[in-house]
N, C-alpha and C. Protein backbone atom coordinates (compact mmCIF):
# COMPACT_ATOMS: atom_id res chain seq x y z
N MET A 1 0.83 -1.19 0.00
CA MET A 1 0.00 0.00 0.00
C MET A 1 0.87 1.25 0.00
N LYS A 2 0.31 2.34 -0.46
CA LYS A 2 0.97 3.63 -0.38
C LYS A 2 0.44 4.34 0.86
N ILE A 3 1.30 4.47 1.88
CA ILE A 3 0.88 4.94 3.20
C ILE A 3 1.51 6.29 3.50
N ALA A 4 0.69 7.28 3.80
CA ALA A 4 1.18 8.58 4.27
C ALA A 4 1.14 8.60 5.79
N ILE A 5 2.19 9.11 6.40
CA ILE A 5 2.24 9.24 7.85
C ILE A 5 2.34 10.71 8.19
N LEU A 6 1.24 11.29 8.62
CA LEU A 6 1.22 12.71 9.01
C LEU A 6 1.87 12.83 10.38
N GLY A 7 2.91 13.67 10.46
CA GLY A 7 3.70 13.71 11.67
C GLY A 7 4.70 12.57 11.70
N GLY A 8 5.09 12.11 10.55
CA GLY A 8 5.98 10.95 10.45
C GLY A 8 7.42 11.23 10.82
N THR A 9 7.72 12.48 11.19
CA THR A 9 9.08 12.80 11.65
C THR A 9 9.25 12.48 13.13
N GLY A 10 8.16 12.23 13.85
CA GLY A 10 8.23 11.87 15.26
C GLY A 10 8.66 10.43 15.43
N ASP A 11 9.02 10.06 16.66
CA ASP A 11 9.60 8.73 16.91
C ASP A 11 8.66 7.60 16.52
N GLU A 12 7.38 7.67 16.94
CA GLU A 12 6.49 6.56 16.67
C GLU A 12 6.11 6.48 15.20
N GLY A 13 5.75 7.61 14.61
CA GLY A 13 5.40 7.60 13.20
C GLY A 13 6.55 7.15 12.33
N PHE A 14 7.75 7.63 12.63
CA PHE A 14 8.93 7.24 11.87
C PHE A 14 9.21 5.75 12.03
N GLY A 15 9.11 5.27 13.28
CA GLY A 15 9.39 3.85 13.54
C GLY A 15 8.41 2.93 12.85
N LEU A 16 7.12 3.25 12.89
CA LEU A 16 6.13 2.44 12.20
C LEU A 16 6.35 2.48 10.70
N GLY A 17 6.62 3.68 10.19
CA GLY A 17 6.88 3.81 8.76
C GLY A 17 8.07 2.98 8.32
N TYR A 18 9.09 2.95 9.13
CA TYR A 18 10.29 2.16 8.83
C TYR A 18 9.96 0.68 8.74
N ARG A 19 9.17 0.20 9.69
CA ARG A 19 8.80 -1.22 9.68
C ARG A 19 7.90 -1.55 8.48
N TRP A 20 6.99 -0.65 8.14
CA TRP A 20 6.13 -0.90 6.98
C TRP A 20 6.92 -0.83 5.68
N ALA A 21 7.87 0.07 5.61
CA ALA A 21 8.72 0.15 4.41
C ALA A 21 9.52 -1.13 4.26
N ALA A 22 10.01 -1.66 5.38
CA ALA A 22 10.77 -2.91 5.35
C ALA A 22 9.90 -4.08 4.89
N ALA A 23 8.59 -3.97 5.13
CA ALA A 23 7.65 -5.02 4.73
C ALA A 23 7.17 -4.85 3.29
N GLY A 24 7.63 -3.80 2.61
CA GLY A 24 7.31 -3.63 1.20
C GLY A 24 6.30 -2.55 0.87
N HIS A 25 5.77 -1.84 1.88
CA HIS A 25 4.85 -0.75 1.61
C HIS A 25 5.61 0.50 1.14
N GLU A 26 4.94 1.33 0.38
CA GLU A 26 5.51 2.62 -0.01
C GLU A 26 5.13 3.66 1.05
N ILE A 27 6.12 4.35 1.59
CA ILE A 27 5.91 5.26 2.70
C ILE A 27 6.15 6.71 2.26
N ILE A 28 5.19 7.58 2.61
CA ILE A 28 5.34 9.02 2.38
C ILE A 28 5.30 9.70 3.75
N ILE A 29 6.42 10.27 4.15
CA ILE A 29 6.50 10.93 5.46
C ILE A 29 6.01 12.36 5.32
N GLY A 30 4.98 12.70 6.09
CA GLY A 30 4.44 14.04 6.07
C GLY A 30 4.89 14.86 7.26
N SER A 31 5.00 16.16 7.06
CA SER A 31 5.37 17.08 8.14
C SER A 31 4.71 18.42 7.85
N ARG A 32 4.68 19.28 8.87
CA ARG A 32 4.16 20.63 8.62
C ARG A 32 5.03 21.35 7.59
N LYS A 33 6.32 21.04 7.56
CA LYS A 33 7.24 21.67 6.64
C LYS A 33 7.78 20.64 5.64
N THR A 34 7.72 20.97 4.37
CA THR A 34 8.16 20.05 3.32
C THR A 34 9.59 19.58 3.54
N ALA A 35 10.47 20.51 3.86
CA ALA A 35 11.89 20.17 4.01
C ALA A 35 12.11 19.18 5.14
N LYS A 36 11.35 19.31 6.21
CA LYS A 36 11.51 18.40 7.35
C LYS A 36 11.05 16.99 6.96
N GLY A 37 9.95 16.91 6.23
CA GLY A 37 9.48 15.60 5.77
C GLY A 37 10.48 14.96 4.82
N ALA A 38 11.06 15.77 3.93
CA ALA A 38 12.03 15.25 2.98
C ALA A 38 13.29 14.76 3.69
N GLN A 39 13.74 15.49 4.70
CA GLN A 39 14.93 15.09 5.43
C GLN A 39 14.71 13.79 6.19
N ALA A 40 13.50 13.64 6.77
CA ALA A 40 13.17 12.39 7.46
C ALA A 40 13.20 11.21 6.49
N ALA A 41 12.75 11.44 5.27
CA ALA A 41 12.78 10.38 4.25
C ALA A 41 14.21 9.99 3.92
N VAL A 42 15.10 10.97 3.84
CA VAL A 42 16.51 10.68 3.59
C VAL A 42 17.07 9.81 4.71
N SER A 43 16.74 10.16 5.95
CA SER A 43 17.23 9.39 7.10
C SER A 43 16.72 7.95 7.06
N MET A 44 15.45 7.78 6.66
CA MET A 44 14.90 6.42 6.60
C MET A 44 15.52 5.62 5.46
N ARG A 45 15.76 6.27 4.34
CA ARG A 45 16.38 5.56 3.21
C ARG A 45 17.82 5.16 3.53
N GLU A 46 18.49 5.92 4.38
CA GLU A 46 19.85 5.55 4.79
C GLU A 46 19.82 4.24 5.57
N ARG A 47 18.76 4.03 6.34
CA ARG A 47 18.60 2.79 7.09
C ARG A 47 18.10 1.66 6.21
N LEU A 48 17.32 2.02 5.17
CA LEU A 48 16.65 1.02 4.34
C LEU A 48 16.75 1.45 2.87
N PRO A 49 17.93 1.31 2.28
CA PRO A 49 18.15 1.82 0.92
C PRO A 49 17.19 1.26 -0.13
N GLU A 50 16.69 0.03 0.10
CA GLU A 50 15.80 -0.59 -0.88
C GLU A 50 14.35 -0.15 -0.72
N GLY A 51 14.07 0.62 0.30
CA GLY A 51 12.69 1.00 0.59
C GLY A 51 12.15 2.07 -0.35
N LYS A 52 10.84 2.04 -0.57
CA LYS A 52 10.17 3.09 -1.35
C LYS A 52 9.71 4.16 -0.36
N ILE A 53 10.49 5.21 -0.22
CA ILE A 53 10.28 6.18 0.86
C ILE A 53 10.47 7.59 0.30
N SER A 54 9.53 8.47 0.60
CA SER A 54 9.65 9.88 0.23
C SER A 54 9.11 10.73 1.37
N GLY A 55 9.36 12.03 1.28
CA GLY A 55 8.89 12.93 2.33
C GLY A 55 8.46 14.27 1.77
N THR A 56 7.43 14.85 2.37
CA THR A 56 6.89 16.11 1.87
C THR A 56 6.04 16.74 2.98
N ASP A 57 5.20 17.68 2.62
CA ASP A 57 4.29 18.27 3.61
C ASP A 57 3.09 17.36 3.81
N ASN A 58 2.36 17.60 4.91
CA ASN A 58 1.25 16.72 5.27
C ASN A 58 0.18 16.63 4.18
N LEU A 59 -0.18 17.76 3.59
CA LEU A 59 -1.24 17.75 2.58
C LEU A 59 -0.82 16.96 1.35
N SER A 60 0.37 17.20 0.86
CA SER A 60 0.85 16.47 -0.32
C SER A 60 0.93 14.98 -0.04
N ALA A 61 1.37 14.63 1.17
CA ALA A 61 1.46 13.22 1.55
C ALA A 61 0.08 12.58 1.53
N ALA A 62 -0.90 13.25 2.12
CA ALA A 62 -2.26 12.70 2.18
C ALA A 62 -2.87 12.57 0.79
N GLN A 63 -2.59 13.52 -0.07
CA GLN A 63 -3.13 13.48 -1.43
C GLN A 63 -2.61 12.28 -2.21
N GLN A 64 -1.37 11.91 -1.98
CA GLN A 64 -0.73 10.83 -2.74
C GLN A 64 -1.09 9.44 -2.22
N ALA A 65 -1.55 9.35 -0.98
CA ALA A 65 -1.64 8.06 -0.30
C ALA A 65 -2.97 7.35 -0.53
N GLU A 66 -2.92 6.02 -0.37
CA GLU A 66 -4.13 5.21 -0.31
C GLU A 66 -4.68 5.16 1.11
N LEU A 67 -3.79 5.16 2.07
CA LEU A 67 -4.15 5.09 3.49
C LEU A 67 -3.31 6.11 4.23
N VAL A 68 -3.92 6.78 5.22
CA VAL A 68 -3.24 7.86 5.94
C VAL A 68 -3.17 7.53 7.42
N VAL A 69 -2.00 7.74 8.01
CA VAL A 69 -1.79 7.52 9.44
C VAL A 69 -1.57 8.87 10.11
N LEU A 70 -2.29 9.12 11.19
CA LEU A 70 -2.15 10.36 11.94
C LEU A 70 -1.31 10.10 13.18
N SER A 71 -0.11 10.69 13.21
CA SER A 71 0.82 10.47 14.32
C SER A 71 1.35 11.82 14.78
N VAL A 72 0.47 12.60 15.39
CA VAL A 72 0.83 13.92 15.89
C VAL A 72 0.39 14.03 17.35
N PRO A 73 0.94 14.98 18.10
CA PRO A 73 0.43 15.21 19.46
C PRO A 73 -1.05 15.61 19.40
N TYR A 74 -1.78 15.32 20.46
CA TYR A 74 -3.21 15.63 20.46
C TYR A 74 -3.48 17.11 20.18
N TRP A 75 -2.64 17.98 20.74
CA TRP A 75 -2.89 19.41 20.56
C TRP A 75 -2.82 19.84 19.09
N ALA A 76 -2.15 19.03 18.26
CA ALA A 76 -2.03 19.36 16.84
C ALA A 76 -3.03 18.59 15.97
N GLN A 77 -3.86 17.75 16.59
CA GLN A 77 -4.74 16.89 15.80
C GLN A 77 -5.74 17.68 14.96
N ALA A 78 -6.51 18.54 15.59
CA ALA A 78 -7.59 19.24 14.88
C ALA A 78 -7.05 20.09 13.73
N SER A 79 -5.98 20.83 13.97
CA SER A 79 -5.44 21.70 12.93
C SER A 79 -4.82 20.88 11.80
N THR A 80 -4.17 19.77 12.13
CA THR A 80 -3.59 18.92 11.09
C THR A 80 -4.69 18.33 10.22
N LEU A 81 -5.74 17.81 10.84
CA LEU A 81 -6.83 17.22 10.08
C LEU A 81 -7.54 18.26 9.21
N GLU A 82 -7.70 19.46 9.73
CA GLU A 82 -8.36 20.52 8.96
C GLU A 82 -7.54 20.84 7.71
N SER A 83 -6.22 20.80 7.83
CA SER A 83 -5.36 21.15 6.70
C SER A 83 -5.35 20.09 5.60
N VAL A 84 -5.74 18.85 5.94
CA VAL A 84 -5.69 17.76 4.95
C VAL A 84 -7.08 17.17 4.68
N LYS A 85 -8.10 17.76 5.25
CA LYS A 85 -9.45 17.19 5.21
C LYS A 85 -9.90 16.83 3.81
N ALA A 86 -9.68 17.71 2.86
CA ALA A 86 -10.14 17.47 1.49
C ALA A 86 -9.45 16.26 0.86
N ALA A 87 -8.24 15.96 1.32
CA ALA A 87 -7.48 14.84 0.74
C ALA A 87 -7.83 13.51 1.38
N LEU A 88 -8.70 13.51 2.40
CA LEU A 88 -9.04 12.29 3.11
C LEU A 88 -10.38 11.69 2.69
N THR A 89 -11.04 12.31 1.76
CA THR A 89 -12.34 11.80 1.30
C THR A 89 -12.19 10.39 0.74
N ASP A 90 -13.06 9.49 1.23
CA ASP A 90 -13.10 8.09 0.80
C ASP A 90 -11.82 7.32 1.14
N LYS A 91 -11.09 7.80 2.14
CA LYS A 91 -9.87 7.11 2.56
C LYS A 91 -10.00 6.63 4.01
N LEU A 92 -9.12 5.71 4.36
CA LEU A 92 -9.05 5.20 5.72
C LEU A 92 -7.97 5.97 6.47
N LEU A 93 -8.32 6.53 7.62
CA LEU A 93 -7.38 7.22 8.48
C LEU A 93 -7.14 6.37 9.72
N VAL A 94 -5.88 6.03 9.96
CA VAL A 94 -5.50 5.28 11.16
C VAL A 94 -4.87 6.28 12.13
N THR A 95 -5.49 6.48 13.28
CA THR A 95 -4.95 7.42 14.24
C THR A 95 -4.24 6.70 15.37
N VAL A 96 -3.03 7.17 15.68
CA VAL A 96 -2.27 6.63 16.80
C VAL A 96 -2.22 7.64 17.96
N VAL A 97 -3.02 8.69 17.84
CA VAL A 97 -3.00 9.77 18.83
C VAL A 97 -3.51 9.28 20.18
N ALA A 98 -2.77 9.61 21.23
CA ALA A 98 -3.16 9.28 22.61
C ALA A 98 -2.98 10.53 23.46
N PRO A 99 -4.07 11.23 23.79
CA PRO A 99 -3.95 12.47 24.55
C PRO A 99 -3.36 12.26 25.94
N THR A 100 -2.47 13.15 26.32
CA THR A 100 -1.95 13.14 27.69
C THR A 100 -2.06 14.55 28.25
N GLY A 101 -2.20 14.63 29.57
CA GLY A 101 -2.28 15.93 30.22
C GLY A 101 -0.91 16.42 30.62
N GLU A 102 -0.87 17.41 31.50
CA GLU A 102 0.40 17.95 31.97
C GLU A 102 1.22 16.87 32.66
N LYS A 103 0.53 15.96 33.34
CA LYS A 103 1.20 14.82 33.97
C LYS A 103 0.88 13.59 33.13
N ALA A 104 1.84 13.22 32.27
CA ALA A 104 1.59 12.18 31.28
C ALA A 104 1.30 10.82 31.89
N ALA A 105 1.72 10.60 33.12
CA ALA A 105 1.53 9.31 33.77
C ALA A 105 0.19 9.21 34.49
N ARG A 106 -0.69 10.16 34.27
CA ARG A 106 -2.03 10.13 34.86
C ARG A 106 -3.07 10.24 33.75
N VAL A 107 -4.14 9.49 33.88
CA VAL A 107 -5.19 9.47 32.87
C VAL A 107 -5.75 10.87 32.66
N HIS A 108 -5.86 11.24 31.40
CA HIS A 108 -6.35 12.56 31.03
C HIS A 108 -7.66 12.42 30.25
N ARG A 109 -8.74 12.96 30.76
CA ARG A 109 -10.05 12.90 30.10
C ARG A 109 -10.26 14.17 29.27
N LEU A 110 -10.67 13.97 28.02
CA LEU A 110 -10.94 15.11 27.16
C LEU A 110 -12.26 15.78 27.54
N GLU A 111 -12.34 17.07 27.34
CA GLU A 111 -13.55 17.83 27.70
C GLU A 111 -14.77 17.32 26.95
N SER A 112 -14.58 16.81 25.75
CA SER A 112 -15.70 16.32 24.95
C SER A 112 -16.31 15.04 25.53
N GLY A 113 -15.54 14.34 26.37
CA GLY A 113 -15.99 13.05 26.87
C GLY A 113 -15.76 11.93 25.86
N LEU A 114 -15.20 12.26 24.71
CA LEU A 114 -14.94 11.28 23.66
C LEU A 114 -13.47 10.91 23.66
N SER A 115 -13.12 9.99 22.79
CA SER A 115 -11.71 9.71 22.53
C SER A 115 -11.22 10.68 21.46
N ALA A 116 -9.90 10.80 21.34
CA ALA A 116 -9.35 11.61 20.26
C ALA A 116 -9.76 11.04 18.91
N ALA A 117 -9.85 9.72 18.83
CA ALA A 117 -10.25 9.07 17.57
C ALA A 117 -11.68 9.44 17.19
N GLU A 118 -12.58 9.47 18.18
CA GLU A 118 -13.97 9.86 17.89
C GLU A 118 -14.05 11.32 17.49
N GLU A 119 -13.25 12.16 18.14
CA GLU A 119 -13.22 13.57 17.74
C GLU A 119 -12.76 13.71 16.29
N ALA A 120 -11.77 12.91 15.92
CA ALA A 120 -11.29 12.94 14.54
C ALA A 120 -12.39 12.51 13.58
N GLN A 121 -13.12 11.44 13.93
CA GLN A 121 -14.20 10.98 13.07
C GLN A 121 -15.29 12.04 12.93
N ASN A 122 -15.63 12.70 14.02
CA ASN A 122 -16.64 13.76 13.97
C ASN A 122 -16.18 14.93 13.10
N GLN A 123 -14.90 15.27 13.20
CA GLN A 123 -14.38 16.38 12.42
C GLN A 123 -14.37 16.07 10.93
N LEU A 124 -14.06 14.84 10.59
CA LEU A 124 -13.92 14.46 9.19
C LEU A 124 -15.23 14.03 8.54
N SER A 125 -16.22 13.70 9.36
CA SER A 125 -17.52 13.18 8.92
C SER A 125 -17.37 11.80 8.31
N GLU A 126 -18.46 11.26 7.82
CA GLU A 126 -18.47 9.87 7.38
C GLU A 126 -17.77 9.64 6.04
N VAL A 127 -17.30 10.70 5.39
CA VAL A 127 -16.61 10.51 4.11
C VAL A 127 -15.21 9.93 4.32
N THR A 128 -14.74 9.97 5.56
CA THR A 128 -13.46 9.35 5.92
C THR A 128 -13.72 8.34 7.02
N ARG A 129 -13.13 7.15 6.89
CA ARG A 129 -13.30 6.12 7.93
C ARG A 129 -12.10 6.16 8.85
N VAL A 130 -12.38 6.15 10.14
CA VAL A 130 -11.32 6.27 11.15
C VAL A 130 -11.19 4.97 11.95
N VAL A 131 -9.97 4.50 12.09
CA VAL A 131 -9.64 3.37 12.96
C VAL A 131 -8.55 3.83 13.92
N ALA A 132 -8.67 3.46 15.18
CA ALA A 132 -7.66 3.79 16.19
C ALA A 132 -6.79 2.57 16.46
N ALA A 133 -5.48 2.76 16.49
CA ALA A 133 -4.55 1.65 16.75
C ALA A 133 -3.17 2.21 17.11
N PHE A 134 -2.34 1.38 17.71
CA PHE A 134 -0.94 1.68 18.02
C PHE A 134 -0.76 2.70 19.14
N GLN A 135 -1.83 3.05 19.87
CA GLN A 135 -1.68 4.03 20.96
C GLN A 135 -0.78 3.53 22.09
N ASN A 136 -0.73 2.23 22.29
CA ASN A 136 -0.03 1.67 23.45
C ASN A 136 1.33 1.07 23.09
N ILE A 137 1.83 1.41 21.92
CA ILE A 137 3.10 0.86 21.46
C ILE A 137 4.21 1.88 21.68
N GLY A 138 5.23 1.51 22.45
CA GLY A 138 6.37 2.39 22.64
C GLY A 138 7.24 2.41 21.39
N ALA A 139 7.88 3.55 21.15
CA ALA A 139 8.71 3.70 19.95
C ALA A 139 10.13 3.19 20.13
N HIS A 140 10.47 2.80 21.35
CA HIS A 140 11.88 2.56 21.70
C HIS A 140 12.55 1.52 20.82
N HIS A 141 11.84 0.44 20.45
CA HIS A 141 12.46 -0.65 19.71
C HIS A 141 11.98 -0.74 18.25
N LEU A 142 11.21 0.22 17.78
CA LEU A 142 10.64 0.10 16.44
C LEU A 142 11.70 0.07 15.34
N LEU A 143 12.81 0.73 15.56
CA LEU A 143 13.84 0.80 14.52
C LEU A 143 14.76 -0.42 14.51
N ASP A 144 14.55 -1.32 15.46
CA ASP A 144 15.33 -2.56 15.51
C ASP A 144 14.46 -3.69 14.97
N LEU A 145 14.65 -4.01 13.70
CA LEU A 145 13.79 -5.01 13.06
C LEU A 145 13.99 -6.41 13.63
N GLU A 146 15.09 -6.64 14.30
CA GLU A 146 15.36 -7.94 14.89
C GLU A 146 14.72 -8.09 16.26
N HIS A 147 14.25 -6.98 16.82
CA HIS A 147 13.68 -7.03 18.17
C HIS A 147 12.22 -7.48 18.11
N GLU A 148 11.88 -8.48 18.90
CA GLU A 148 10.49 -8.94 18.96
C GLU A 148 9.72 -8.05 19.92
N LEU A 149 8.76 -7.34 19.41
CA LEU A 149 7.99 -6.39 20.21
C LEU A 149 6.99 -7.15 21.08
N ASP A 150 7.18 -7.07 22.37
CA ASP A 150 6.39 -7.87 23.32
C ASP A 150 5.13 -7.13 23.74
N CYS A 151 4.24 -6.89 22.79
CA CYS A 151 2.99 -6.21 23.10
C CYS A 151 2.00 -6.43 21.96
N ASP A 152 0.72 -6.26 22.27
CA ASP A 152 -0.33 -6.34 21.28
C ASP A 152 -0.78 -4.94 20.89
N VAL A 153 -1.39 -4.84 19.72
CA VAL A 153 -2.00 -3.59 19.26
C VAL A 153 -3.51 -3.72 19.38
N LEU A 154 -4.12 -2.83 20.12
CA LEU A 154 -5.58 -2.84 20.28
C LEU A 154 -6.19 -1.98 19.18
N VAL A 155 -7.05 -2.59 18.36
CA VAL A 155 -7.58 -1.94 17.16
C VAL A 155 -9.07 -1.66 17.34
N CYS A 156 -9.44 -0.40 17.26
CA CYS A 156 -10.85 0.02 17.44
C CYS A 156 -11.37 0.64 16.16
N GLY A 157 -12.58 0.25 15.76
CA GLY A 157 -13.19 0.85 14.58
C GLY A 157 -14.59 0.32 14.39
N ASP A 158 -15.35 1.00 13.55
CA ASP A 158 -16.75 0.64 13.37
C ASP A 158 -17.01 -0.24 12.16
N LYS A 159 -16.00 -0.45 11.32
CA LYS A 159 -16.17 -1.27 10.12
C LYS A 159 -15.16 -2.42 10.12
N LYS A 160 -15.68 -3.63 10.01
CA LYS A 160 -14.84 -4.82 10.07
C LYS A 160 -13.76 -4.83 9.00
N ASP A 161 -14.12 -4.43 7.77
CA ASP A 161 -13.15 -4.47 6.68
C ASP A 161 -12.00 -3.50 6.91
N ASP A 162 -12.30 -2.34 7.48
CA ASP A 162 -11.25 -1.36 7.77
C ASP A 162 -10.31 -1.90 8.86
N LYS A 163 -10.89 -2.52 9.87
CA LYS A 163 -10.05 -3.08 10.93
C LYS A 163 -9.19 -4.22 10.39
N ALA A 164 -9.70 -4.96 9.42
CA ALA A 164 -8.92 -6.05 8.83
C ALA A 164 -7.66 -5.50 8.16
N ILE A 165 -7.78 -4.36 7.51
CA ILE A 165 -6.61 -3.72 6.88
C ILE A 165 -5.58 -3.35 7.94
N VAL A 166 -6.06 -2.78 9.04
CA VAL A 166 -5.14 -2.34 10.11
C VAL A 166 -4.53 -3.54 10.82
N LEU A 167 -5.29 -4.60 10.99
CA LEU A 167 -4.74 -5.81 11.60
C LEU A 167 -3.60 -6.38 10.74
N GLN A 168 -3.73 -6.28 9.43
CA GLN A 168 -2.65 -6.72 8.55
C GLN A 168 -1.43 -5.81 8.68
N LEU A 169 -1.67 -4.50 8.84
CA LEU A 169 -0.56 -3.58 9.05
C LEU A 169 0.17 -3.88 10.36
N CYS A 170 -0.58 -4.30 11.37
CA CYS A 170 0.06 -4.72 12.62
C CYS A 170 1.01 -5.88 12.35
N LYS A 171 0.52 -6.86 11.62
CA LYS A 171 1.33 -8.03 11.30
C LYS A 171 2.56 -7.63 10.50
N ASP A 172 2.39 -6.72 9.55
CA ASP A 172 3.50 -6.27 8.72
C ASP A 172 4.57 -5.56 9.55
N ALA A 173 4.16 -4.96 10.66
CA ALA A 173 5.10 -4.27 11.55
C ALA A 173 5.70 -5.19 12.60
N GLY A 174 5.35 -6.49 12.54
CA GLY A 174 5.89 -7.44 13.49
C GLY A 174 5.14 -7.46 14.81
N LEU A 175 3.87 -7.07 14.78
CA LEU A 175 3.04 -6.99 15.98
C LEU A 175 1.77 -7.80 15.81
N ARG A 176 1.18 -8.22 16.92
CA ARG A 176 -0.13 -8.87 16.85
C ARG A 176 -1.21 -7.83 17.11
N GLY A 177 -2.12 -7.70 16.17
CA GLY A 177 -3.26 -6.81 16.36
C GLY A 177 -4.43 -7.57 16.93
N VAL A 178 -5.20 -6.92 17.77
CA VAL A 178 -6.39 -7.52 18.38
C VAL A 178 -7.58 -6.60 18.14
N ASN A 179 -8.60 -7.12 17.49
CA ASN A 179 -9.84 -6.37 17.29
C ASN A 179 -10.55 -6.24 18.62
N VAL A 180 -10.67 -5.02 19.13
CA VAL A 180 -11.29 -4.80 20.44
C VAL A 180 -12.60 -4.03 20.34
N GLY A 181 -13.19 -4.02 19.14
CA GLY A 181 -14.53 -3.48 19.03
C GLY A 181 -14.63 -2.10 18.41
N ALA A 182 -15.70 -1.40 18.79
CA ALA A 182 -16.10 -0.14 18.16
C ALA A 182 -15.11 0.99 18.43
N LEU A 183 -15.19 2.02 17.61
CA LEU A 183 -14.32 3.18 17.77
C LEU A 183 -14.50 3.80 19.15
N GLN A 184 -15.68 3.71 19.71
CA GLN A 184 -15.95 4.24 21.04
C GLN A 184 -15.00 3.65 22.09
N ASN A 185 -14.57 2.42 21.87
CA ASN A 185 -13.68 1.77 22.83
C ASN A 185 -12.28 2.38 22.85
N ALA A 186 -12.01 3.24 21.88
CA ALA A 186 -10.72 3.93 21.87
C ALA A 186 -10.56 4.83 23.10
N ARG A 187 -11.67 5.18 23.74
CA ARG A 187 -11.57 5.99 24.97
C ARG A 187 -10.72 5.26 26.00
N ALA A 188 -11.00 3.99 26.21
CA ALA A 188 -10.24 3.21 27.19
C ALA A 188 -8.83 2.92 26.69
N VAL A 189 -8.70 2.64 25.41
CA VAL A 189 -7.38 2.30 24.85
C VAL A 189 -6.44 3.50 24.95
N GLU A 190 -6.92 4.68 24.60
CA GLU A 190 -6.09 5.88 24.68
C GLU A 190 -5.65 6.15 26.11
N GLU A 191 -6.57 5.95 27.06
CA GLU A 191 -6.24 6.22 28.45
C GLU A 191 -5.22 5.22 29.01
N LEU A 192 -5.16 4.03 28.43
CA LEU A 192 -4.17 3.05 28.87
C LEU A 192 -2.74 3.54 28.64
N THR A 193 -2.57 4.47 27.72
CA THR A 193 -1.24 5.00 27.45
C THR A 193 -0.65 5.64 28.70
N ALA A 194 -1.47 6.38 29.45
CA ALA A 194 -0.99 6.99 30.69
C ALA A 194 -0.59 5.93 31.71
N VAL A 195 -1.34 4.84 31.75
CA VAL A 195 -1.03 3.75 32.68
C VAL A 195 0.33 3.14 32.32
N LEU A 196 0.58 2.93 31.04
CA LEU A 196 1.85 2.35 30.61
C LEU A 196 3.01 3.31 30.87
N ILE A 197 2.78 4.60 30.69
CA ILE A 197 3.82 5.58 31.01
C ILE A 197 4.14 5.52 32.50
N ALA A 198 3.12 5.40 33.32
CA ALA A 198 3.34 5.29 34.77
C ALA A 198 4.15 4.04 35.10
N ILE A 199 3.83 2.93 34.45
CA ILE A 199 4.58 1.69 34.67
C ILE A 199 6.05 1.88 34.28
N ASN A 200 6.28 2.51 33.14
CA ASN A 200 7.65 2.77 32.71
C ASN A 200 8.43 3.59 33.74
N VAL A 201 7.77 4.62 34.26
CA VAL A 201 8.43 5.50 35.22
C VAL A 201 8.70 4.77 36.54
N ILE A 202 7.69 4.11 37.04
CA ILE A 202 7.80 3.45 38.35
C ILE A 202 8.83 2.32 38.32
N HIS A 203 8.82 1.55 37.25
CA HIS A 203 9.67 0.37 37.18
C HIS A 203 10.97 0.61 36.39
N LYS A 204 11.15 1.85 35.97
CA LYS A 204 12.38 2.25 35.27
C LYS A 204 12.65 1.39 34.03
N VAL A 205 11.61 1.24 33.21
CA VAL A 205 11.72 0.55 31.93
C VAL A 205 11.28 1.51 30.83
N LYS A 206 11.39 1.07 29.56
CA LYS A 206 11.07 1.97 28.46
C LYS A 206 9.97 1.46 27.54
N SER A 207 9.59 0.21 27.70
CA SER A 207 8.67 -0.33 26.69
C SER A 207 7.61 -1.25 27.30
N ALA A 208 7.00 -0.84 28.41
CA ALA A 208 5.88 -1.61 28.94
C ALA A 208 4.76 -1.66 27.90
N GLY A 209 4.13 -2.83 27.79
CA GLY A 209 3.08 -2.98 26.77
C GLY A 209 1.91 -3.79 27.29
N ILE A 210 0.96 -4.00 26.42
CA ILE A 210 -0.26 -4.73 26.74
C ILE A 210 -0.24 -6.08 26.03
N ARG A 211 -0.58 -7.16 26.74
CA ARG A 211 -0.79 -8.47 26.14
C ARG A 211 -2.18 -8.96 26.48
N ILE A 212 -2.93 -9.40 25.48
CA ILE A 212 -4.27 -9.94 25.70
C ILE A 212 -4.15 -11.46 25.76
N THR A 213 -4.58 -12.04 26.88
CA THR A 213 -4.49 -13.49 27.06
C THR A 213 -5.79 -14.17 26.66
N GLY A 214 -5.74 -15.50 26.52
CA GLY A 214 -6.93 -16.27 26.25
C GLY A 214 -7.33 -16.37 24.81
N LEU A 215 -6.54 -15.79 23.89
CA LEU A 215 -6.85 -15.86 22.47
C LEU A 215 -6.17 -17.06 21.85
N VAL A 216 -6.77 -17.61 20.80
CA VAL A 216 -6.22 -18.79 20.14
C VAL A 216 -4.96 -18.43 19.37
N ASN A 217 -4.96 -17.24 18.74
CA ASN A 217 -3.78 -16.85 17.96
C ASN A 217 -3.28 -15.49 18.39
């Protein structure tokens, strides 16, 4: 697939893009500034010379892509989506956004009472399908393709076919994806990020994750 990563210069977006490029996907790194996106692409190609990787501004990236990943801080979500809204019509948006407050290790509730993913869906309307995933994945080991990532990806969305695409992307990144239901469930998934940050701080580790037990595969 041709995948645009808005905010792909950040650690998580860059790391996921690197793993997807290694799996054969074409990656377009988006940034607020064209030059920054292009430089990030150069850095990724240095690690993966055979990869199909380019970089540009967020809007151009979204226009070129089949699937778009939103990997920006929550405070930048609404403005980023507004700037690319026209390019997202009839496309799947995968959001990895996990809002945190001033104290990142404590659960932060949004004023809307919704998840960031639901806010994104409301902003974009039904012409864009939104799936939430990868909120609980630390970026620390993403650039090490030999490292087995000891965590599951919780995937929330309202359409089974869209979640199937994201579950395959999880597999392509070397992760197990778990369908955990409707987009509304992203409220709990996003809040788990603060819990994992707290675990990292308390136990002095960098990559605490979630594992779902009792599944056949």
